[in-house]
Protein backbone atom coordinates (compact mmCIF):
# COMPACT_ATOMS: atom_id res chain seq x y z
CA UNK A 1 28.33 19.59 -22.00
CA UNK A 2 25.42 17.35 -21.02
CA UNK A 3 26.42 13.84 -19.86
CA UNK A 4 25.42 10.74 -21.82
CA UNK A 5 23.10 9.81 -18.94
CA UNK A 6 20.39 12.46 -18.66
CA UNK A 7 20.86 14.54 -15.50
CA UNK A 8 17.44 13.82 -13.99
CA UNK A 9 18.87 12.01 -10.96
CA UNK A 10 20.94 13.53 -8.19
CA UNK A 11 23.36 10.64 -7.83
CA UNK A 12 25.87 10.13 -5.04
CA UNK A 13 29.43 9.76 -6.33
CA UNK A 14 29.35 6.09 -5.48
CA UNK A 15 29.10 2.91 -7.56
CA UNK A 16 28.71 -0.68 -6.43
CA UNK A 17 30.23 -3.76 -8.03
CA UNK A 18 29.15 -6.59 -5.76
CA UNK A 19 26.58 -7.42 -3.12
CA UNK A 20 25.79 -10.18 -0.66
CA UNK A 21 22.77 -10.23 1.62
CA UNK A 22 22.38 -6.74 3.09
CA UNK A 23 25.90 -5.64 2.15
CA UNK A 24 27.18 -3.84 -0.94
CA UNK A 25 30.81 -3.40 -1.96
CA UNK A 26 31.66 -0.19 -3.80
CA UNK A 27 34.17 0.17 -6.61
CA UNK A 28 36.48 1.87 -4.09
CA UNK A 29 36.48 -1.31 -1.99
CA UNK A 30 34.39 0.06 0.90
CA UNK A 31 31.53 -2.07 2.23
CA UNK A 32 28.14 -0.50 2.87
CA UNK A 33 25.24 -1.75 4.95
CA UNK A 34 22.24 -1.47 2.65
CA UNK A 35 19.11 -0.18 4.40
CA UNK A 36 17.72 1.28 1.18
CA UNK A 37 17.41 -1.98 -0.79
CA UNK A 38 17.14 -0.12 -4.08
CA UNK A 39 14.14 1.75 -2.60
CA UNK A 40 12.46 -1.33 -1.06
CA UNK A 41 13.18 -3.55 -4.08
CA UNK A 42 15.84 -6.16 -3.23
CA UNK A 43 13.53 -8.12 -0.96
CA UNK A 44 15.78 -11.20 -0.71
CA UNK A 45 18.97 -9.16 -0.48
CA UNK A 46 21.84 -9.10 -2.93
CA UNK A 47 23.05 -12.21 -4.78
CA UNK A 48 20.49 -14.50 -3.15
CA UNK A 49 21.63 -17.97 -4.31
CA UNK A 50 18.20 -19.28 -5.33
CA UNK A 51 17.25 -16.09 -7.17
CA UNK A 52 20.61 -15.90 -8.96
CA UNK A 53 20.27 -19.52 -10.09
CA UNK A 54 16.68 -19.02 -11.23
CA UNK A 55 17.56 -16.00 -13.34
CA UNK A 56 20.67 -17.62 -14.83
CA UNK A 57 18.86 -20.86 -15.65
CA UNK A 58 15.87 -19.10 -17.21
CA UNK A 59 18.06 -16.67 -19.17
CA UNK A 60 19.84 -19.65 -20.71
CA UNK A 61 16.50 -21.05 -21.90
CA UNK A 62 14.21 -18.21 -22.99
CA UNK A 63 13.89 -14.63 -21.74
CA UNK A 64 11.08 -13.21 -23.83
CA UNK A 65 8.37 -14.53 -26.16
CA UNK A 66 5.55 -11.92 -25.79
CA UNK A 67 2.00 -12.37 -24.62
CA UNK A 68 0.96 -13.78 -27.98
CA UNK A 69 1.70 -17.17 -26.43
CA UNK A 70 1.20 -18.98 -23.13
CA UNK A 71 3.88 -18.26 -20.55
CA UNK A 72 4.05 -21.09 -17.98
CA UNK A 73 6.16 -19.02 -15.57
CA UNK A 74 3.49 -16.29 -15.53
CA UNK A 75 0.74 -18.87 -15.01
CA UNK A 76 2.63 -20.35 -12.04
CA UNK A 77 3.25 -16.96 -10.44
CA UNK A 78 -0.38 -15.93 -10.95
CA UNK A 79 -1.59 -19.15 -9.31
CA UNK A 80 0.70 -18.55 -6.32
CA UNK A 81 -0.66 -15.03 -5.90
CA UNK A 82 -4.28 -16.10 -6.25
CA UNK A 83 -3.82 -18.94 -3.76
CA UNK A 84 -2.37 -16.61 -1.14
CA UNK A 85 -4.42 -13.43 -1.53
CA UNK A 86 -7.94 -12.08 -2.00
CA UNK A 87 -7.46 -12.00 -5.78
CA UNK A 88 -9.05 -14.17 -8.45
CA UNK A 89 -6.82 -13.08 -11.31
CA UNK A 90 -3.52 -11.31 -12.01
CA UNK A 91 -2.21 -9.01 -14.74
CA UNK A 92 1.58 -8.68 -15.03
CA UNK A 93 3.47 -5.56 -16.10
CA UNK A 94 6.90 -4.01 -15.53
CA UNK A 95 6.76 -1.34 -12.83
CA UNK A 96 4.78 0.26 -10.05
CA UNK A 97 3.55 3.18 -12.15
CA UNK A 98 2.40 0.77 -14.85
CA UNK A 99 0.64 -1.37 -12.23
CA UNK A 100 -1.17 1.71 -10.94
CA UNK A 101 -2.16 2.69 -14.47
CA UNK A 102 -3.54 -0.81 -14.97
CA UNK A 103 -5.45 -0.63 -11.69
CA UNK A 104 -7.06 2.69 -12.66
CA UNK A 105 -7.98 1.40 -16.13
CA UNK A 106 -9.49 -1.73 -14.60
CA UNK A 107 -11.64 0.29 -12.19
CA UNK A 108 -12.89 2.57 -14.95
CA UNK A 109 -13.52 -0.29 -17.35
CA UNK A 110 -15.54 -2.23 -14.78
CA UNK A 111 -17.75 0.78 -14.06
CA UNK A 112 -18.26 1.29 -17.81
CA UNK A 113 -19.18 -2.36 -18.41
CA UNK A 114 -21.55 -2.28 -15.43
CA UNK A 115 -23.55 0.53 -16.98
CA UNK A 116 -21.88 3.54 -15.34
CA UNK A 117 -19.80 5.24 -18.08
CA UNK A 118 -20.02 8.50 -16.14
CA UNK A 119 -18.01 7.01 -13.28
CA UNK A 120 -14.44 7.75 -14.35
CA UNK A 121 -12.90 9.65 -11.43
CA UNK A 122 -10.52 8.10 -8.94
CA UNK A 123 -10.39 9.49 -5.41
CA UNK A 124 -6.80 9.71 -4.16
CA UNK A 125 -5.34 11.31 -1.04
CA UNK A 126 -3.10 14.19 -0.10
CA UNK A 127 0.46 13.01 0.40
CA UNK A 128 0.10 10.10 -2.01
CA UNK A 129 2.70 8.86 -4.43
CA UNK A 130 1.57 6.63 -7.30
CA UNK A 131 4.36 6.97 -9.88
CA UNK A 132 5.76 9.27 -12.55
CA UNK A 133 3.67 8.69 -15.67
CA UNK A 134 1.50 11.63 -16.74
CA UNK A 135 -1.60 10.03 -15.25
CA UNK A 136 0.11 8.96 -12.04
CA UNK A 137 1.63 12.36 -11.28
CA UNK A 138 -1.93 13.66 -11.57
CA UNK A 139 -3.10 10.91 -9.20
CA UNK A 140 -0.28 11.89 -6.84
CA UNK A 141 -1.18 15.57 -7.04
CA UNK A 142 2.16 16.89 -5.78
CA UNK A 143 2.87 20.26 -7.47
CA UNK A 144 6.61 19.51 -7.51
CA UNK A 145 6.02 16.46 -9.73
CA UNK A 146 3.49 18.24 -11.94
CA UNK A 147 5.57 21.36 -12.67
CA UNK A 148 6.46 21.80 -16.31
CA UNK A 149 4.55 18.83 -17.67
CA UNK A 150 1.50 20.66 -18.93
CA UNK A 151 -2.16 20.18 -17.98
CA UNK A 152 -2.94 17.57 -15.35
CA UNK A 153 -4.68 14.42 -16.53
CA UNK A 154 -8.35 14.70 -15.67
CA UNK A 155 -10.19 12.24 -13.51
CA UNK A 156 -8.31 12.36 -10.21
CA UNK A 157 -9.76 13.95 -7.09
CA UNK A 158 -8.02 14.35 -3.74
CA UNK A 159 -9.07 14.30 -0.11
CA UNK A 160 -7.23 14.43 3.24
CA UNK A 161 -5.46 11.19 4.22
CA UNK A 162 -6.60 9.48 7.43
CA UNK A 163 -9.70 11.67 7.68
CA UNK A 164 -13.00 9.79 7.64
CA UNK A 165 -15.02 12.98 8.17
CA UNK A 166 -14.27 14.28 4.67
CA UNK A 167 -14.76 11.02 2.77
CA UNK A 168 -18.43 11.27 1.83
CA UNK A 169 -18.07 14.89 0.76
CA UNK A 170 -15.33 13.82 -1.67
CA UNK A 171 -17.57 11.30 -3.46
CA UNK A 172 -19.34 12.61 -6.56
CA UNK A 173 -21.60 11.00 -9.20
CA UNK A 174 -18.44 10.64 -11.31
CA UNK A 175 -16.42 8.70 -8.74
CA UNK A 176 -15.48 5.21 -9.93
CA UNK A 177 -13.22 4.08 -7.12
CA UNK A 178 -10.71 4.90 -4.43
CA UNK A 179 -6.94 4.32 -4.56
CA UNK A 180 -4.82 4.60 -1.41
CA UNK A 181 -1.50 3.44 0.01
CA UNK A 182 -1.88 1.51 3.30
CA UNK A 183 1.33 3.25 4.34
CA UNK A 184 2.29 6.42 2.49
CA UNK A 185 5.95 5.87 1.71
CA UNK A 186 7.28 8.78 -0.31
CA UNK A 187 5.54 11.39 1.82
CA UNK A 188 7.17 10.24 5.06
CA UNK A 189 6.20 6.69 6.16
CA UNK A 190 2.66 7.48 7.28
CA UNK A 191 0.45 4.44 8.03
CA UNK A 192 -3.28 4.60 7.50
CA UNK A 193 -5.39 4.20 10.62
CA UNK A 194 -7.69 1.21 10.99
CA UNK A 195 -10.67 3.56 11.22
CA UNK A 196 -9.72 5.18 7.91
CA UNK A 197 -9.20 1.89 6.08
CA UNK A 198 -12.48 0.49 7.38
CA UNK A 199 -14.17 3.75 6.41
CA UNK A 200 -12.89 3.44 2.85
CA UNK A 201 -14.36 -0.04 2.52
CA UNK A 202 -17.68 1.10 3.96
CA UNK A 203 -17.92 4.08 1.60
CA UNK A 204 -17.10 1.91 -1.42
CA UNK A 205 -19.78 -0.59 -0.42
CA UNK A 206 -22.31 2.18 0.13
CA UNK A 207 -21.73 3.99 -3.18
CA UNK A 208 -20.90 1.04 -5.45
CA UNK A 209 -17.25 2.01 -5.83
CA UNK A 210 -14.13 -0.12 -6.17
CA UNK A 211 -11.41 -0.03 -3.52
CA UNK A 212 -7.83 -0.19 -4.77
CA UNK A 213 -4.68 -0.34 -2.66
CA UNK A 214 -1.34 0.82 -3.98
CA UNK A 215 0.89 -1.86 -2.45
CA UNK A 216 3.89 -1.14 -4.66
CA UNK A 217 6.09 -0.34 -1.67
CA UNK A 218 4.16 -1.98 1.18
CA UNK A 219 3.59 -5.34 -0.50
CA UNK A 220 5.43 -8.66 -0.77
CA UNK A 221 6.27 -8.97 2.93
CA UNK A 222 7.62 -5.47 3.58
CA UNK A 223 5.42 -4.86 6.65
CA UNK A 224 5.46 -8.44 7.96
CA UNK A 225 2.31 -9.58 6.15
CA UNK A 226 2.33 -10.60 2.51
CA UNK A 227 0.38 -7.39 1.83
CA UNK A 228 -0.08 -4.49 4.23
CA UNK A 229 -3.88 -4.36 3.91
CA UNK A 230 -3.99 -7.66 5.80
CA UNK A 231 -3.09 -5.81 9.01
CA UNK A 232 -6.40 -3.93 8.75
CA UNK A 233 -8.67 -6.85 7.92
CA UNK A 234 -10.00 -4.84 4.96
CA UNK A 235 -10.56 -6.63 1.66
CA UNK A 236 -9.68 -4.66 -1.48
CA UNK A 237 -11.15 -5.15 -4.94
CA UNK A 238 -7.81 -4.58 -6.64
CA UNK A 239 -4.20 -3.86 -5.67
CA UNK A 240 -1.03 -2.81 -7.49
CA UNK A 241 2.26 -4.57 -6.79
CA UNK A 242 5.88 -4.05 -7.90
CA UNK A 243 9.26 -3.31 -6.23
CA UNK A 244 9.98 -6.38 -4.05
CA UNK A 245 8.04 -8.90 -6.14
CA UNK A 246 10.96 -9.42 -8.53
CA UNK A 247 13.69 -9.19 -5.91
CA UNK A 248 15.50 -6.65 -8.09
CA UNK A 249 14.32 -7.79 -11.51
CA UNK A 250 11.70 -5.42 -13.01
CA UNK A 251 8.22 -6.82 -12.43
CA UNK A 252 4.82 -5.38 -11.57
CA UNK A 253 1.35 -6.82 -11.18
CA UNK A 254 -2.30 -5.95 -10.70
CA UNK A 255 -4.25 -8.35 -8.50
CA UNK A 256 -8.03 -8.18 -8.74
CA UNK A 257 -11.28 -9.93 -7.97
CA UNK A 258 -13.20 -11.50 -10.83
CA UNK A 259 -15.69 -8.60 -10.66
CA UNK A 260 -13.00 -6.33 -12.13
CA UNK A 261 -10.63 -8.71 -13.88
CA UNK A 262 -13.27 -10.20 -16.20
CA UNK A 263 -13.64 -6.87 -17.99
CA UNK A 264 -10.03 -6.76 -19.21
CA UNK A 265 -10.77 -8.72 -22.37
CA UNK A 266 -8.36 -9.24 -25.33
CA UNK A 267 -7.45 -5.93 -26.91
CA UNK A 268 -8.51 -3.79 -23.94
CA UNK A 269 -5.03 -3.54 -22.41
CA UNK A 270 -1.55 -4.79 -23.15
CA UNK A 271 2.17 -4.75 -22.46
CA UNK A 272 5.13 -5.94 -24.52
CA UNK A 273 7.44 -7.06 -21.73
CA UNK A 274 5.01 -7.62 -18.85
CA UNK A 275 4.88 -11.17 -17.57
CA UNK A 276 7.83 -12.42 -19.62
CA UNK A 277 9.41 -15.79 -18.68
CA UNK A 278 12.50 -14.32 -17.01
CA UNK A 279 10.64 -11.79 -14.83
CA UNK A 280 8.02 -14.30 -13.75
CA UNK A 281 10.57 -17.02 -13.02
CA UNK A 282 12.27 -14.53 -10.70
CA UNK A 283 8.90 -13.64 -9.17
CA UNK A 284 8.08 -17.28 -8.46
CA UNK A 285 11.35 -17.76 -6.58
CA UNK A 286 10.86 -14.55 -4.58
CA UNK A 287 7.28 -15.42 -3.65
CA UNK A 288 8.11 -19.02 -2.75
CA UNK A 289 10.84 -17.78 -0.42
CA UNK A 290 8.60 -15.20 1.24
CA UNK A 291 5.81 -17.75 1.66
CA UNK A 292 8.18 -20.40 3.05
CA UNK A 293 7.67 -21.39 6.70
CA UNK A 294 8.99 -18.80 9.12
CA UNK A 295 9.91 -16.08 6.60
CA UNK A 296 7.13 -13.59 7.37
CA UNK A 297 7.44 -14.41 11.07
CA UNK A 298 11.11 -13.41 10.74
CA UNK A 299 10.13 -10.10 9.14
CA UNK A 300 7.64 -9.37 11.92
CA UNK A 301 10.08 -10.33 14.69
CA UNK A 302 13.03 -8.41 13.28
CA UNK A 303 10.77 -5.50 12.29
CA UNK A 304 9.40 -5.20 15.84
CA UNK A 305 12.90 -5.35 17.31
CA UNK A 306 14.13 -2.79 14.77
CA UNK A 307 11.34 -0.41 15.75
CA UNK A 308 12.43 -0.60 19.42
CA UNK A 309 16.07 -0.10 18.43
CA UNK A 310 15.11 3.02 16.48
CA UNK A 311 13.32 4.42 19.54
CA UNK A 312 16.65 4.05 21.33
CA UNK A 313 18.40 5.79 18.42
CA UNK A 314 16.04 8.75 18.84
CA UNK A 315 16.84 8.99 22.55
CA UNK A 316 20.60 8.86 21.85
CA UNK A 317 20.62 11.15 18.82
CA UNK A 318 21.03 14.43 20.74
CA UNK A 319 17.97 15.87 19.06
CA UNK A 320 18.83 14.95 15.46
CA UNK A 321 15.86 12.53 15.30
CA UNK A 322 12.60 13.09 17.16
CA UNK A 323 10.31 10.17 16.27
CA UNK A 324 10.04 6.76 14.63
CA UNK A 325 7.39 5.83 12.08
CA UNK A 326 6.25 2.77 10.19
CA UNK A 327 5.73 -0.95 10.61
CA UNK A 328 7.76 -4.09 9.99
CA UNK A 329 10.80 -3.34 7.85
CA UNK A 330 9.32 -0.13 6.46
CA UNK A 331 10.56 2.48 8.91
CA UNK A 332 11.23 6.19 9.02
CA UNK A 333 13.11 8.53 11.34
CA UNK A 334 11.85 12.11 11.41
CA UNK A 335 14.85 14.43 11.21
CA UNK A 336 15.28 17.80 12.88
CA UNK A 337 18.11 18.97 10.59
CA UNK A 338 17.50 18.77 6.82
CA UNK A 339 17.19 15.14 5.78
CA UNK A 340 19.74 15.66 3.00
CA UNK A 341 22.36 16.57 5.63
CA UNK A 342 21.41 13.53 7.71
CA UNK A 343 21.61 11.22 4.69
CA UNK A 344 25.13 12.42 3.92
CA UNK A 345 26.22 11.94 7.52
CA UNK A 346 24.73 8.44 7.47
CA UNK A 347 26.44 7.68 4.15
CA UNK A 348 29.73 8.74 5.73
CA UNK A 349 29.11 5.91 8.22
CA UNK A 350 28.79 3.49 5.27
CA UNK A 351 25.06 3.03 5.75
CA UNK A 352 22.69 3.38 2.78
CA UNK A 353 19.27 4.93 3.36
CA UNK A 354 16.56 6.72 1.35
CA UNK A 355 15.00 10.11 1.95
CA UNK A 356 11.25 10.63 2.11
CA UNK A 357 8.90 13.59 2.40
CA UNK A 358 8.26 15.47 5.63
CA UNK A 359 12.02 15.46 6.35
CA UNK A 360 12.10 11.71 6.99
CA UNK A 361 14.99 9.29 6.65
CA UNK A 362 13.58 6.04 5.22
CA UNK A 363 14.95 2.65 6.31
CA UNK A 364 13.81 -0.28 4.15
CA UNK A 365 16.42 -3.05 4.35
CA UNK A 366 16.17 -6.38 2.53
CA UNK A 367 13.68 -8.66 4.25
CA UNK A 368 16.46 -11.16 5.09
CA UNK A 369 18.12 -8.64 7.45
CA UNK A 370 19.00 -9.93 10.93
CA UNK A 371 18.60 -8.28 14.33
CA UNK A 372 22.39 -8.05 14.56
CA UNK A 373 22.52 -6.14 11.27
CA UNK A 374 19.74 -3.85 12.48
CA UNK A 375 21.74 -3.14 15.64
CA UNK A 376 24.79 -2.35 13.53
CA UNK A 377 22.72 0.04 11.39
CA UNK A 378 21.41 1.75 14.53
CA UNK A 379 24.91 2.26 15.90
CA UNK A 380 25.87 3.89 12.62
CA UNK A 381 22.78 6.11 12.79
CA UNK A 382 23.81 7.28 16.27
CA UNK A 383 27.36 8.00 15.11
CA UNK A 384 25.99 9.95 12.16
CA UNK A 385 23.73 11.96 14.48
CA UNK A 386 26.64 12.75 16.80
CA UNK A 387 28.77 13.86 13.84
CA UNK A 388 26.06 16.35 12.91
CA UNK A 389 25.94 17.75 16.45
CA UNK A 390 29.72 17.92 16.90
CA UNK A 391 30.36 21.14 14.90
CA UNK A 392 27.59 23.00 16.78
CA UNK A 393 28.96 21.74 20.12
CA UNK A 394 32.51 22.86 19.26
CA UNK A 395 31.21 26.24 18.12
CA UNK A 396 29.34 26.76 21.40
CA UNK A 397 32.43 25.78 23.41
CA UNK A 398 34.57 28.38 21.67
């Protein structure tokens, strides 16, 4: 008989009842070191005192009123984002997929209002992941995500990632803009090259296109900058944001220049829950913490040290891992055995991780993680690797 919860997730037989910082306590009493962070979501860790207080205080006042009225918490969060980014204006929503939908609609709408109704296509890249709505699985283009859901949504083209030679050939008279992840997360922690990112900006300038960055996973401090595109010195026209911006509370956003944002006039787009007082109050606290003196420097310092530690893990893994990928606190270990086997071995060491494409083990701890906690995680990774090699070693000995 089918369970009450639909069986669309392959869940580990594990439930958590309490968390603190980068640690989670399961219902069986065991403590786990959390280097998954709810898939790069719990940016301030678990039970962060300021975030807990903000949510409790706001919940006791008002949680939801709808966008029929002014929402001071949303106005404050938007001002913070505008003051600290390229953007002139912000649209709030609930999730990464919804933020990406909003970004695509904004690009198309701006082209339409500027006299180019034929420009509706968005150029995306092989290996992308932009979410699970019908439009975003088409933007992603992965056959595994498209299977069984009928015809793909029109208007999304694809080109090779990190290849500037094929860019111009991919542009057509119907291209409205380009959407790309600065670091492809789901497909295996693959950073864009500087040449590629600069090439995207140049092509958009040349052809009158809009450049959008999907910063759902890379944003809000994950790579050591507030947003990952800052590492490249490339200015976007629009970006999508979610995951870490709410610290665990559902929140998404689209940040855009006035050139795009001014075309989203009343009635052109909407959301019931997006930008509600509770979500935006949480977002303000998260952003204020990340923008506080020393926070991003901490992420960069610990992220650099973690990268070096992971190189050591590779050398000590007896061939289970063969390279390290990523930047800041968005890291991946390429596995030689199947990543599912590695994840289970790691889980047996009470370390939580996330799988990614290309047989990669993803490591995205809360941004408050310390070097000592990273070292502890690395020791557990080595133990997990050795446990995977032990049966083969014993077999050879016999």
